[in-house]
């Protein structure tokens, strides 16, 4: 079953991701607008990150696995979301090593 989701993703004048939203029945996500920065100038988040949204979906699927709806397909979905986290962690570590995490630097 596909759920209707409306999305709008913004960019700043330089073409960098600049927030946006994703909404549907029971879903309302305001995406992080702008980089957080680095060091003492680091800001608090003002919106959601992909990792947080994946975490909420993962929590729900893990819950299903504790009910009579537990199944192999849901377990595979859990594994794939966990795999997605690993790729995102790798991306963040790589950006940290290059000193560009928290910025719009590529």
PDB file of N, CA and C in Angstrom:
ATOM      1  N   UNK A   1       0.839  -1.185   0.000  1.00  0.00           N
ATOM      2  CA  UNK A   1       0.000   0.000   0.000  1.00  0.00           C
ATOM      3  C   UNK A   1       0.880   1.243   0.000  1.00  0.00           C
ATOM      4  N   UNK A   2       0.720   2.057  -0.984  1.00  0.00           N
ATOM      5  CA  UNK A   2       1.464   3.312  -1.040  1.00  0.00           C
ATOM      6  C   UNK A   2       0.693   4.386  -0.289  1.00  0.00           C
ATOM      7  N   UNK A   3       1.415   5.138   0.536  1.00  0.00           N
ATOM      8  CA  UNK A   3       0.825   6.251   1.257  1.00  0.00           C
ATOM      9  C   UNK A   3       1.191   7.531   0.524  1.00  0.00           C
ATOM     10  N   UNK A   4       0.208   8.382   0.311  1.00  0.00           N
ATOM     11  CA  UNK A   4       0.471   9.643  -0.374  1.00  0.00           C
ATOM     12  C   UNK A   4       1.345  10.526   0.512  1.00  0.00           C
ATOM     13  N   UNK A   5       2.469  10.945  -0.024  1.00  0.00           N
ATOM     14  CA  UNK A   5       3.412  11.817   0.677  1.00  0.00           C
ATOM     15  C   UNK A   5       3.640  13.038  -0.199  1.00  0.00           C
ATOM     16  N   UNK A   6       3.500  14.214   0.379  1.00  0.00           N
ATOM     17  CA  UNK A   6       3.859  15.427  -0.357  1.00  0.00           C
ATOM     18  C   UNK A   6       5.202  15.894   0.190  1.00  0.00           C
ATOM     19  N   UNK A   7       6.058  16.306  -0.711  1.00  0.00           N
ATOM     20  CA  UNK A   7       7.407  16.708  -0.330  1.00  0.00           C
ATOM     21  C   UNK A   7       7.791  17.995  -1.027  1.00  0.00           C
ATOM     22  N   UNK A   8       8.595  18.770  -0.341  1.00  0.00           N
ATOM     23  CA  UNK A   8       9.212  19.935  -0.936  1.00  0.00           C
ATOM     24  C   UNK A   8      10.601  20.048  -0.320  1.00  0.00           C
ATOM     25  N   UNK A   9      11.617  20.022  -1.166  1.00  0.00           N
ATOM     26  CA  UNK A   9      13.004  20.081  -0.699  1.00  0.00           C
ATOM     27  C   UNK A   9      13.633  21.342  -1.280  1.00  0.00           C
ATOM     28  N   UNK A  10      14.229  22.140  -0.396  1.00  0.00           N
ATOM     29  CA  UNK A  10      14.733  23.449  -0.791  1.00  0.00           C
ATOM     30  C   UNK A  10      16.247  23.442  -0.946  1.00  0.00           C
ATOM     31  N   UNK A  11      16.722  24.381  -1.748  1.00  0.00           N
ATOM     32  CA  UNK A  11      18.149  24.649  -1.867  1.00  0.00           C
ATOM     33  C   UNK A  11      18.373  26.139  -1.645  1.00  0.00           C
ATOM     34  N   UNK A  12      19.585  26.477  -1.180  1.00  0.00           N
ATOM     35  CA  UNK A  12      19.929  27.883  -1.013  1.00  0.00           C
ATOM     36  C   UNK A  12      20.441  28.453  -2.339  1.00  0.00           C
ATOM     37  N   UNK A  13      20.890  29.697  -2.329  1.00  0.00           N
ATOM     38  CA  UNK A  13      21.363  30.364  -3.550  1.00  0.00           C
ATOM     39  C   UNK A  13      22.542  29.646  -4.194  1.00  0.00           C
ATOM     40  N   UNK A  14      23.317  28.897  -3.392  1.00  0.00           N
ATOM     41  CA  UNK A  14      24.484  28.171  -3.903  1.00  0.00           C
ATOM     42  C   UNK A  14      24.122  26.744  -4.338  1.00  0.00           C
ATOM     43  N   UNK A  15      22.845  26.372  -4.216  1.00  0.00           N
ATOM     44  CA  UNK A  15      22.424  25.025  -4.606  1.00  0.00           C
ATOM     45  C   UNK A  15      22.604  23.969  -3.526  1.00  0.00           C
ATOM     46  N   UNK A  16      22.876  24.411  -2.294  1.00  0.00           N
ATOM     47  CA  UNK A  16      23.045  23.482  -1.170  1.00  0.00           C
ATOM     48  C   UNK A  16      21.687  23.117  -0.569  1.00  0.00           C
ATOM     49  N   UNK A  17      21.553  21.913  -0.001  1.00  0.00           N
ATOM     50  CA  UNK A  17      20.317  21.554   0.683  1.00  0.00           C
ATOM     51  C   UNK A  17      19.986  22.590   1.756  1.00  0.00           C
ATOM     52  N   UNK A  18      18.735  23.024   1.800  1.00  0.00           N
ATOM     53  CA  UNK A  18      18.337  24.092   2.726  1.00  0.00           C
ATOM     54  C   UNK A  18      16.985  23.792   3.361  1.00  0.00           C
ATOM     55  N   UNK A  19      16.797  22.580   3.815  1.00  0.00           N
ATOM     56  CA  UNK A  19      15.555  22.244   4.509  1.00  0.00           C
ATOM     57  C   UNK A  19      14.466  21.798   3.566  1.00  0.00           C
ATOM     58  N   UNK A  20      13.267  21.834   4.080  1.00  0.00           N
ATOM     59  CA  UNK A  20      12.104  21.396   3.348  1.00  0.00           C
ATOM     60  C   UNK A  20      11.204  20.593   4.261  1.00  0.00           C
ATOM     61  N   UNK A  21      10.259  19.905   3.659  1.00  0.00           N
ATOM     62  CA  UNK A  21       9.345  19.103   4.457  1.00  0.00           C
ATOM     63  C   UNK A  21       8.892  17.886   3.678  1.00  0.00           C
ATOM     64  N   UNK A  22       8.408  16.896   4.410  1.00  0.00           N
ATOM     65  CA  UNK A  22       7.744  15.717   3.860  1.00  0.00           C
ATOM     66  C   UNK A  22       6.542  15.463   4.757  1.00  0.00           C
ATOM     67  N   UNK A  23       5.351  15.326   4.151  1.00  0.00           N
ATOM     68  CA  UNK A  23       4.130  15.162   4.929  1.00  0.00           C
ATOM     69  C   UNK A  23       3.212  14.137   4.307  1.00  0.00           C
ATOM     70  N   UNK A  24       2.498  13.459   5.167  1.00  0.00           N
ATOM     71  CA  UNK A  24       1.471  12.516   4.771  1.00  0.00           C
ATOM     72  C   UNK A  24       0.592  12.260   5.978  1.00  0.00           C
ATOM     73  N   UNK A  25      -0.409  11.427   5.845  1.00  0.00           N
ATOM     74  CA  UNK A  25      -1.289  11.113   6.953  1.00  0.00           C
ATOM     75  C   UNK A  25      -0.464  10.566   8.120  1.00  0.00           C
ATOM     76  N   UNK A  26      -0.442  11.280   9.237  1.00  0.00           N
ATOM     77  CA  UNK A  26       0.311  10.854  10.404  1.00  0.00           C
ATOM     78  C   UNK A  26       1.799  11.129  10.342  1.00  0.00           C
ATOM     79  N   UNK A  27       2.261  11.787   9.279  1.00  0.00           N
ATOM     80  CA  UNK A  27       3.690  12.051   9.099  1.00  0.00           C
ATOM     81  C   UNK A  27       3.889  13.543   8.855  1.00  0.00           C
ATOM     82  N   UNK A  28       4.827  14.130   9.582  1.00  0.00           N
ATOM     83  CA  UNK A  28       5.185  15.520   9.341  1.00  0.00           C
ATOM     84  C   UNK A  28       6.663  15.672   9.680  1.00  0.00           C
ATOM     85  N   UNK A  29       7.479  15.841   8.646  1.00  0.00           N
ATOM     86  CA  UNK A  29       8.915  15.972   8.835  1.00  0.00           C
ATOM     87  C   UNK A  29       9.356  17.333   8.316  1.00  0.00           C
ATOM     88  N   UNK A  30       9.998  18.104   9.188  1.00  0.00           N
ATOM     89  CA  UNK A  30      10.664  19.338   8.775  1.00  0.00           C
ATOM     90  C   UNK A  30      12.145  18.995   8.736  1.00  0.00           C
ATOM     91  N   UNK A  31      12.758  19.073   7.562  1.00  0.00           N
ATOM     92  CA  UNK A  31      14.148  18.677   7.387  1.00  0.00           C
ATOM     93  C   UNK A  31      15.090  19.762   7.883  1.00  0.00           C
ATOM     94  N   UNK A  32      16.268  19.329   8.316  1.00  0.00           N
ATOM     95  CA  UNK A  32      17.314  20.251   8.764  1.00  0.00           C
ATOM     96  C   UNK A  32      17.558  21.315   7.698  1.00  0.00           C
ATOM     97  N   UNK A  33      17.608  22.561   8.153  1.00  0.00           N
ATOM     98  CA  UNK A  33      17.882  23.672   7.240  1.00  0.00           C
ATOM     99  C   UNK A  33      19.278  24.204   7.529  1.00  0.00           C
ATOM    100  N   UNK A  34      20.178  23.983   6.587  1.00  0.00           N
ATOM    101  CA  UNK A  34      21.543  24.495   6.706  1.00  0.00           C
ATOM    102  C   UNK A  34      22.455  23.580   7.496  1.00  0.00           C
ATOM    103  N   UNK A  35      23.758  23.806   7.356  1.00  0.00           N
ATOM    104  CA  UNK A  35      24.735  22.981   8.075  1.00  0.00           C
ATOM    105  C   UNK A  35      24.776  23.359   9.554  1.00  0.00           C
ATOM    106  N   UNK A  36      25.259  22.436  10.374  1.00  0.00           N
ATOM    107  CA  UNK A  36      25.356  22.684  11.806  1.00  0.00           C
ATOM    108  C   UNK A  36      26.618  23.448  12.181  1.00  0.00           C
ATOM    109  N   UNK A  37      27.619  23.392  11.318  1.00  0.00           N
ATOM    110  CA  UNK A  37      28.888  24.049  11.629  1.00  0.00           C
ATOM    111  C   UNK A  37      29.813  23.106  12.369  1.00  0.00           C
ATOM    112  N   UNK A  38      30.970  23.633  12.727  1.00  0.00           N
ATOM    113  CA  UNK A  38      31.995  22.820  13.387  1.00  0.00           C
ATOM    114  C   UNK A  38      32.527  23.553  14.613  1.00  0.00           C
ATOM    115  N   UNK A  39      33.096  22.778  15.544  1.00  0.00           N
ATOM    116  CA  UNK A  39      33.765  23.347  16.712  1.00  0.00           C
ATOM    117  C   UNK A  39      32.842  24.180  17.579  1.00  0.00           C
ATOM    118  N   UNK A  40      33.397  25.274  18.143  1.00  0.00           N
ATOM    119  CA  UNK A  40      32.614  26.094  19.078  1.00  0.00           C
ATOM    120  C   UNK A  40      31.449  26.817  18.414  1.00  0.00           C
ATOM    121  N   UNK A  41      31.455  26.929  17.094  1.00  0.00           N
ATOM    122  CA  UNK A  41      30.363  27.586  16.373  1.00  0.00           C
ATOM    123  C   UNK A  41      29.237  26.625  15.992  1.00  0.00           C
ATOM    124  N   UNK A  42      29.343  25.361  16.407  1.00  0.00           N
ATOM    125  CA  UNK A  42      28.339  24.351  16.036  1.00  0.00           C
ATOM    126  C   UNK A  42      26.974  24.748  16.603  1.00  0.00           C
ATOM    127  N   UNK A  43      25.953  24.645  15.751  1.00  0.00           N
ATOM    128  CA  UNK A  43      24.584  25.007  16.121  1.00  0.00           C
ATOM    129  C   UNK A  43      23.785  23.777  16.508  1.00  0.00           C
ATOM    130  N   UNK A  44      22.681  24.015  17.176  1.00  0.00           N
ATOM    131  CA  UNK A  44      21.717  22.955  17.465  1.00  0.00           C
ATOM    132  C   UNK A  44      20.922  22.670  16.196  1.00  0.00           C
ATOM    133  N   UNK A  45      20.513  21.433  15.975  1.00  0.00           N
ATOM    134  CA  UNK A  45      19.679  21.122  14.805  1.00  0.00           C
ATOM    135  C   UNK A  45      18.366  21.908  14.842  1.00  0.00           C
ATOM    136  N   UNK A  46      17.865  22.252  13.663  1.00  0.00           N
ATOM    137  CA  UNK A  46      16.568  22.933  13.567  1.00  0.00           C
ATOM    138  C   UNK A  46      15.550  22.086  12.809  1.00  0.00           C
ATOM    139  N   UNK A  47      15.942  20.886  12.468  1.00  0.00           N
ATOM    140  CA  UNK A  47      15.047  19.991  11.736  1.00  0.00           C
ATOM    141  C   UNK A  47      15.569  18.569  11.787  1.00  0.00           C
ATOM    142  N   UNK A  48      14.849  17.694  11.125  1.00  0.00           N
ATOM    143  CA  UNK A  48      15.167  16.265  11.133  1.00  0.00           C
ATOM    144  C   UNK A  48      16.298  15.942  10.166  1.00  0.00           C
ATOM    145  N   UNK A  49      16.999  14.851  10.487  1.00  0.00           N
ATOM    146  CA  UNK A  49      18.000  14.266   9.611  1.00  0.00           C
ATOM    147  C   UNK A  49      17.469  12.917   9.133  1.00  0.00           C
ATOM    148  N   UNK A  50      17.956  12.449   8.011  1.00  0.00           N
ATOM    149  CA  UNK A  50      17.545  11.151   7.471  1.00  0.00           C
ATOM    150  C   UNK A  50      17.735  10.064   8.520  1.00  0.00           C
ATOM    151  N   UNK A  51      18.842  10.125   9.253  1.00  0.00           N
ATOM    152  CA  UNK A  51      19.122   9.105  10.264  1.00  0.00           C
ATOM    153  C   UNK A  51      18.007   9.010  11.298  1.00  0.00           C
ATOM    154  N   UNK A  52      17.464  10.141  11.724  1.00  0.00           N
ATOM    155  CA  UNK A  52      16.390  10.137  12.710  1.00  0.00           C
ATOM    156  C   UNK A  52      15.102   9.537  12.171  1.00  0.00           C
ATOM    157  N   UNK A  53      14.807   9.841  10.917  1.00  0.00           N
ATOM    158  CA  UNK A  53      13.600   9.286  10.303  1.00  0.00           C
ATOM    159  C   UNK A  53      13.746   7.774  10.135  1.00  0.00           C
ATOM    160  N   UNK A  54      14.924   7.332   9.709  1.00  0.00           N
ATOM    161  CA  UNK A  54      15.171   5.887   9.618  1.00  0.00           C
ATOM    162  C   UNK A  54      15.051   5.224  10.987  1.00  0.00           C
ATOM    163  N   UNK A  55      15.539   5.902  12.015  1.00  0.00           N
ATOM    164  CA  UNK A  55      15.477   5.353  13.375  1.00  0.00           C
ATOM    165  C   UNK A  55      14.027   5.149  13.814  1.00  0.00           C
ATOM    166  N   UNK A  56      13.139   6.089  13.476  1.00  0.00           N
ATOM    167  CA  UNK A  56      11.738   5.931  13.863  1.00  0.00           C
ATOM    168  C   UNK A  56      11.092   4.768  13.117  1.00  0.00           C
ATOM    169  N   UNK A  57      11.397   4.618  11.835  1.00  0.00           N
ATOM    170  CA  UNK A  57      10.854   3.493  11.063  1.00  0.00           C
ATOM    171  C   UNK A  57      11.399   2.172  11.601  1.00  0.00           C
ATOM    172  N   UNK A  58      12.670   2.157  11.945  1.00  0.00           N
ATOM    173  CA  UNK A  58      13.285   0.957  12.491  1.00  0.00           C
ATOM    174  C   UNK A  58      12.622   0.566  13.812  1.00  0.00           C
ATOM    175  N   UNK A  59      12.356   1.533  14.654  1.00  0.00           N
ATOM    176  CA  UNK A  59      11.682   1.259  15.918  1.00  0.00           C
ATOM    177  C   UNK A  59      10.314   0.638  15.719  1.00  0.00           C
ATOM    178  N   UNK A  60       9.590   1.134  14.732  1.00  0.00           N
ATOM    179  CA  UNK A  60       8.257   0.589  14.461  1.00  0.00           C
ATOM    180  C   UNK A  60       8.346  -0.840  13.939  1.00  0.00           C
ATOM    181  N   UNK A  61       9.272  -1.092  13.017  1.00  0.00           N
ATOM    182  CA  UNK A  61       9.426  -2.445  12.490  1.00  0.00           C
ATOM    183  C   UNK A  61       9.871  -3.421  13.571  1.00  0.00           C
ATOM    184  N   UNK A  62      10.763  -2.976  14.438  1.00  0.00           N
ATOM    185  CA  UNK A  62      11.189  -3.848  15.547  1.00  0.00           C
ATOM    186  C   UNK A  62      10.010  -4.147  16.468  1.00  0.00           C
ATOM    187  N   UNK A  63       9.153  -3.163  16.671  1.00  0.00           N
ATOM    188  CA  UNK A  63       7.937  -3.393  17.458  1.00  0.00           C
ATOM    189  C   UNK A  63       7.079  -4.473  16.806  1.00  0.00           C
ATOM    190  N   UNK A  64       6.868  -4.367  15.492  1.00  0.00           N
ATOM    191  CA  UNK A  64       6.079  -5.389  14.790  1.00  0.00           C
ATOM    192  C   UNK A  64       6.637  -6.787  15.037  1.00  0.00           C
ATOM    193  N   UNK A  65       7.953  -6.874  15.138  1.00  0.00           N
ATOM    194  CA  UNK A  65       8.595  -8.172  15.337  1.00  0.00           C
ATOM    195  C   UNK A  65       8.326  -8.754  16.725  1.00  0.00           C
ATOM    196  N   UNK A  66       7.708  -7.979  17.610  1.00  0.00           N
ATOM    197  CA  UNK A  66       7.334  -8.482  18.937  1.00  0.00           C
ATOM    198  C   UNK A  66       5.856  -8.874  18.990  1.00  0.00           C
ATOM    199  N   UNK A  67       5.170  -8.759  17.851  1.00  0.00           N
ATOM    200  CA  UNK A  67       3.738  -9.052  17.814  1.00  0.00           C
ATOM    201  C   UNK A  67       3.460 -10.276  16.945  1.00  0.00           C
ATOM    202  N   UNK A  68       2.190 -10.605  16.813  1.00  0.00           N
ATOM    203  CA  UNK A  68       1.802 -11.744  15.974  1.00  0.00           C
ATOM    204  C   UNK A  68       2.089 -11.489  14.500  1.00  0.00           C
ATOM    205  N   UNK A  69       2.463 -10.261  14.145  1.00  0.00           N
ATOM    206  CA  UNK A  69       2.779  -9.926  12.753  1.00  0.00           C
ATOM    207  C   UNK A  69       4.257 -10.116  12.418  1.00  0.00           C
ATOM    208  N   UNK A  70       4.997 -10.676  13.365  1.00  0.00           N
ATOM    209  CA  UNK A  70       6.416 -10.963  13.135  1.00  0.00           C
ATOM    210  C   UNK A  70       6.551 -11.842  11.888  1.00  0.00           C
ATOM    211  N   UNK A  71       7.513 -11.455  10.999  1.00  0.00           N
ATOM    212  CA  UNK A  71       7.711 -12.257   9.788  1.00  0.00           C
ATOM    213  C   UNK A  71       9.102 -12.013   9.213  1.00  0.00           C
ATOM    214  N   UNK A  72       9.473 -12.881   8.291  1.00  0.00           N
ATOM    215  CA  UNK A  72      10.788 -12.797   7.669  1.00  0.00           C
ATOM    216  C   UNK A  72      10.950 -11.519   6.849  1.00  0.00           C
ATOM    217  N   UNK A  73       9.910 -11.103   6.143  1.00  0.00           N
ATOM    218  CA  UNK A  73      10.012  -9.889   5.334  1.00  0.00           C
ATOM    219  C   UNK A  73      10.292  -8.661   6.199  1.00  0.00           C
ATOM    220  N   UNK A  74       9.634  -8.565   7.348  1.00  0.00           N
ATOM    221  CA  UNK A  74       9.882  -7.438   8.239  1.00  0.00           C
ATOM    222  C   UNK A  74      11.302  -7.506   8.782  1.00  0.00           C
ATOM    223  N   UNK A  75      11.775  -8.698   9.116  1.00  0.00           N
ATOM    224  CA  UNK A  75      13.154  -8.847   9.596  1.00  0.00           C
ATOM    225  C   UNK A  75      14.147  -8.406   8.525  1.00  0.00           C
ATOM    226  N   UNK A  76      13.871  -8.740   7.266  1.00  0.00           N
ATOM    227  CA  UNK A  76      14.739  -8.288   6.173  1.00  0.00           C
ATOM    228  C   UNK A  76      14.712  -6.766   6.043  1.00  0.00           C
ATOM    229  N   UNK A  77      13.536  -6.171   6.213  1.00  0.00           N
ATOM    230  CA  UNK A  77      13.428  -4.709   6.166  1.00  0.00           C
ATOM    231  C   UNK A  77      14.245  -4.083   7.288  1.00  0.00           C
ATOM    232  N   UNK A  78      14.189  -4.675   8.494  1.00  0.00           N
ATOM    233  CA  UNK A  78      14.996  -4.206   9.616  1.00  0.00           C
ATOM    234  C   UNK A  78      16.475  -4.253   9.245  1.00  0.00           C
ATOM    235  N   UNK A  79      16.905  -5.359   8.692  1.00  0.00           N
ATOM    236  CA  UNK A  79      18.309  -5.519   8.316  1.00  0.00           C
ATOM    237  C   UNK A  79      18.740  -4.478   7.290  1.00  0.00           C
ATOM    238  N   UNK A  80      17.878  -4.175   6.336  1.00  0.00           N
ATOM    239  CA  UNK A  80      18.234  -3.205   5.291  1.00  0.00           C
ATOM    240  C   UNK A  80      18.309  -1.787   5.844  1.00  0.00           C
ATOM    241  N   UNK A  81      17.429  -1.452   6.788  1.00  0.00           N
ATOM    242  CA  UNK A  81      17.519  -0.127   7.412  1.00  0.00           C
ATOM    243  C   UNK A  81      18.801  -0.045   8.229  1.00  0.00           C
ATOM    244  N   UNK A  82      19.129  -1.118   8.952  1.00  0.00           N
ATOM    245  CA  UNK A  82      20.392  -1.143   9.687  1.00  0.00           C
ATOM    246  C   UNK A  82      21.573  -0.987   8.737  1.00  0.00           C
ATOM    247  N   UNK A  83      21.490  -1.607   7.577  1.00  0.00           N
ATOM    248  CA  UNK A  83      22.548  -1.471   6.572  1.00  0.00           C
ATOM    249  C   UNK A  83      22.645  -0.025   6.085  1.00  0.00           C
ATOM    250  N   UNK A  84      21.504   0.613   5.884  1.00  0.00           N
ATOM    251  CA  UNK A  84      21.502   2.018   5.472  1.00  0.00           C
ATOM    252  C   UNK A  84      22.214   2.877   6.515  1.00  0.00           C
ATOM    253  N   UNK A  85      21.963   2.595   7.814  1.00  0.00           N
ATOM    254  CA  UNK A  85      22.665   3.314   8.880  1.00  0.00           C
ATOM    255  C   UNK A  85      24.166   3.163   8.744  1.00  0.00           C
ATOM    256  N   UNK A  86      24.632   1.958   8.436  1.00  0.00           N
ATOM    257  CA  UNK A  86      26.072   1.733   8.298  1.00  0.00           C
ATOM    258  C   UNK A  86      26.668   2.603   7.200  1.00  0.00           C
ATOM    259  N   UNK A  87      25.953   2.720   6.078  1.00  0.00           N
ATOM    260  CA  UNK A  87      26.449   3.574   4.992  1.00  0.00           C
ATOM    261  C   UNK A  87      26.461   5.046   5.412  1.00  0.00           C
ATOM    262  N   UNK A  88      25.444   5.471   6.147  1.00  0.00           N
ATOM    263  CA  UNK A  88      25.399   6.859   6.597  1.00  0.00           C
ATOM    264  C   UNK A  88      26.479   7.143   7.636  1.00  0.00           C
ATOM    265  N   UNK A  89      26.758   6.183   8.511  1.00  0.00           N
ATOM    266  CA  UNK A  89      27.842   6.327   9.478  1.00  0.00           C
ATOM    267  C   UNK A  89      29.181   6.425   8.741  1.00  0.00           C
ATOM    268  N   UNK A  90      29.369   5.574   7.736  1.00  0.00           N
ATOM    269  CA  UNK A  90      30.600   5.623   6.938  1.00  0.00           C
ATOM    270  C   UNK A  90      30.748   6.989   6.274  1.00  0.00           C
ATOM    271  N   UNK A  91      29.661   7.494   5.716  1.00  0.00           N
ATOM    272  CA  UNK A  91      29.692   8.816   5.067  1.00  0.00           C
ATOM    273  C   UNK A  91      30.100   9.889   6.069  1.00  0.00           C
ATOM    274  N   UNK A  92      29.508   9.869   7.266  1.00  0.00           N
ATOM    275  CA  UNK A  92      29.826  10.872   8.286  1.00  0.00           C
ATOM    276  C   UNK A  92      31.278  10.773   8.729  1.00  0.00           C
ATOM    277  N   UNK A  93      31.765   9.567   8.981  1.00  0.00           N
ATOM    278  CA  UNK A  93      33.166   9.395   9.408  1.00  0.00           C
ATOM    279  C   UNK A  93      34.130   9.891   8.346  1.00  0.00           C
ATOM    280  N   UNK A  94      33.819   9.590   7.102  1.00  0.00           N
ATOM    281  CA  UNK A  94      34.678  10.020   6.004  1.00  0.00           C
ATOM    282  C   UNK A  94      34.702  11.551   5.933  1.00  0.00           C
ATOM    283  N   UNK A  95      33.547  12.175   6.113  1.00  0.00           N
ATOM    284  CA  UNK A  95      33.483  13.642   6.097  1.00  0.00           C
ATOM    285  C   UNK A  95      34.215  14.234   7.296  1.00  0.00           C
ATOM    286  N   UNK A  96      34.113  13.568   8.460  1.00  0.00           N
ATOM    287  CA  UNK A  96      34.833  14.034   9.648  1.00  0.00           C
ATOM    288  C   UNK A  96      36.337  13.965   9.416  1.00  0.00           C
ATOM    289  N   UNK A  97      36.803  12.884   8.814  1.00  0.00           N
ATOM    290  CA  UNK A  97      38.236  12.727   8.543  1.00  0.00           C
ATOM    291  C   UNK A  97      38.750  13.830   7.631  1.00  0.00           C
ATOM    292  N   UNK A  98      37.908  14.270   6.704  1.00  0.00           N
ATOM    293  CA  UNK A  98      38.320  15.337   5.781  1.00  0.00           C
ATOM    294  C   UNK A  98      38.072  16.729   6.356  1.00  0.00           C
ATOM    295  N   UNK A  99      37.444  16.799   7.552  1.00  0.00           N
ATOM    296  CA  UNK A  99      37.197  18.080   8.200  1.00  0.00           C
ATOM    297  C   UNK A  99      36.070  18.890   7.570  1.00  0.00           C
ATOM    298  N   UNK A 100      35.129  18.207   6.899  1.00  0.00           N
ATOM    299  CA  UNK A 100      34.044  18.931   6.254  1.00  0.00           C
ATOM    300  C   UNK A 100      32.664  18.581   6.827  1.00  0.00           C
ATOM    301  N   UNK A 101      32.619  17.671   7.805  1.00  0.00           N
ATOM    302  CA  UNK A 101      31.337  17.330   8.421  1.00  0.00           C
ATOM    303  C   UNK A 101      30.783  18.584   9.109  1.00  0.00           C
ATOM    304  N   UNK A 102      29.471  18.820   8.959  1.00  0.00           N
ATOM    305  CA  UNK A 102      28.838  19.998   9.539  1.00  0.00           C
ATOM    306  C   UNK A 102      28.929  21.226   8.655  1.00  0.00           C
ATOM    307  N   UNK A 103      29.417  21.040   7.429  1.00  0.00           N
ATOM    308  CA  UNK A 103      29.543  22.161   6.482  1.00  0.00           C
ATOM    309  C   UNK A 103      28.901  21.771   5.153  1.00  0.00           C
ATOM    310  N   UNK A 104      28.857  22.717   4.254  1.00  0.00           N
ATOM    311  CA  UNK A 104      28.395  22.439   2.899  1.00  0.00           C
ATOM    312  C   UNK A 104      29.571  22.105   1.958  1.00  0.00           C
ATOM    313  N   UNK A 105      30.741  21.931   2.531  1.00  0.00           N
ATOM    314  CA  UNK A 105      31.893  21.536   1.711  1.00  0.00           C
ATOM    315  C   UNK A 105      31.687  20.105   1.242  1.00  0.00           C
ATOM    316  N   UNK A 106      32.142  19.814   0.018  1.00  0.00           N
ATOM    317  CA  UNK A 106      31.982  18.469  -0.538  1.00  0.00           C
ATOM    318  C   UNK A 106      33.110  17.616  -0.181  1.00  0.00           C
TER     319      UNK A 106
END
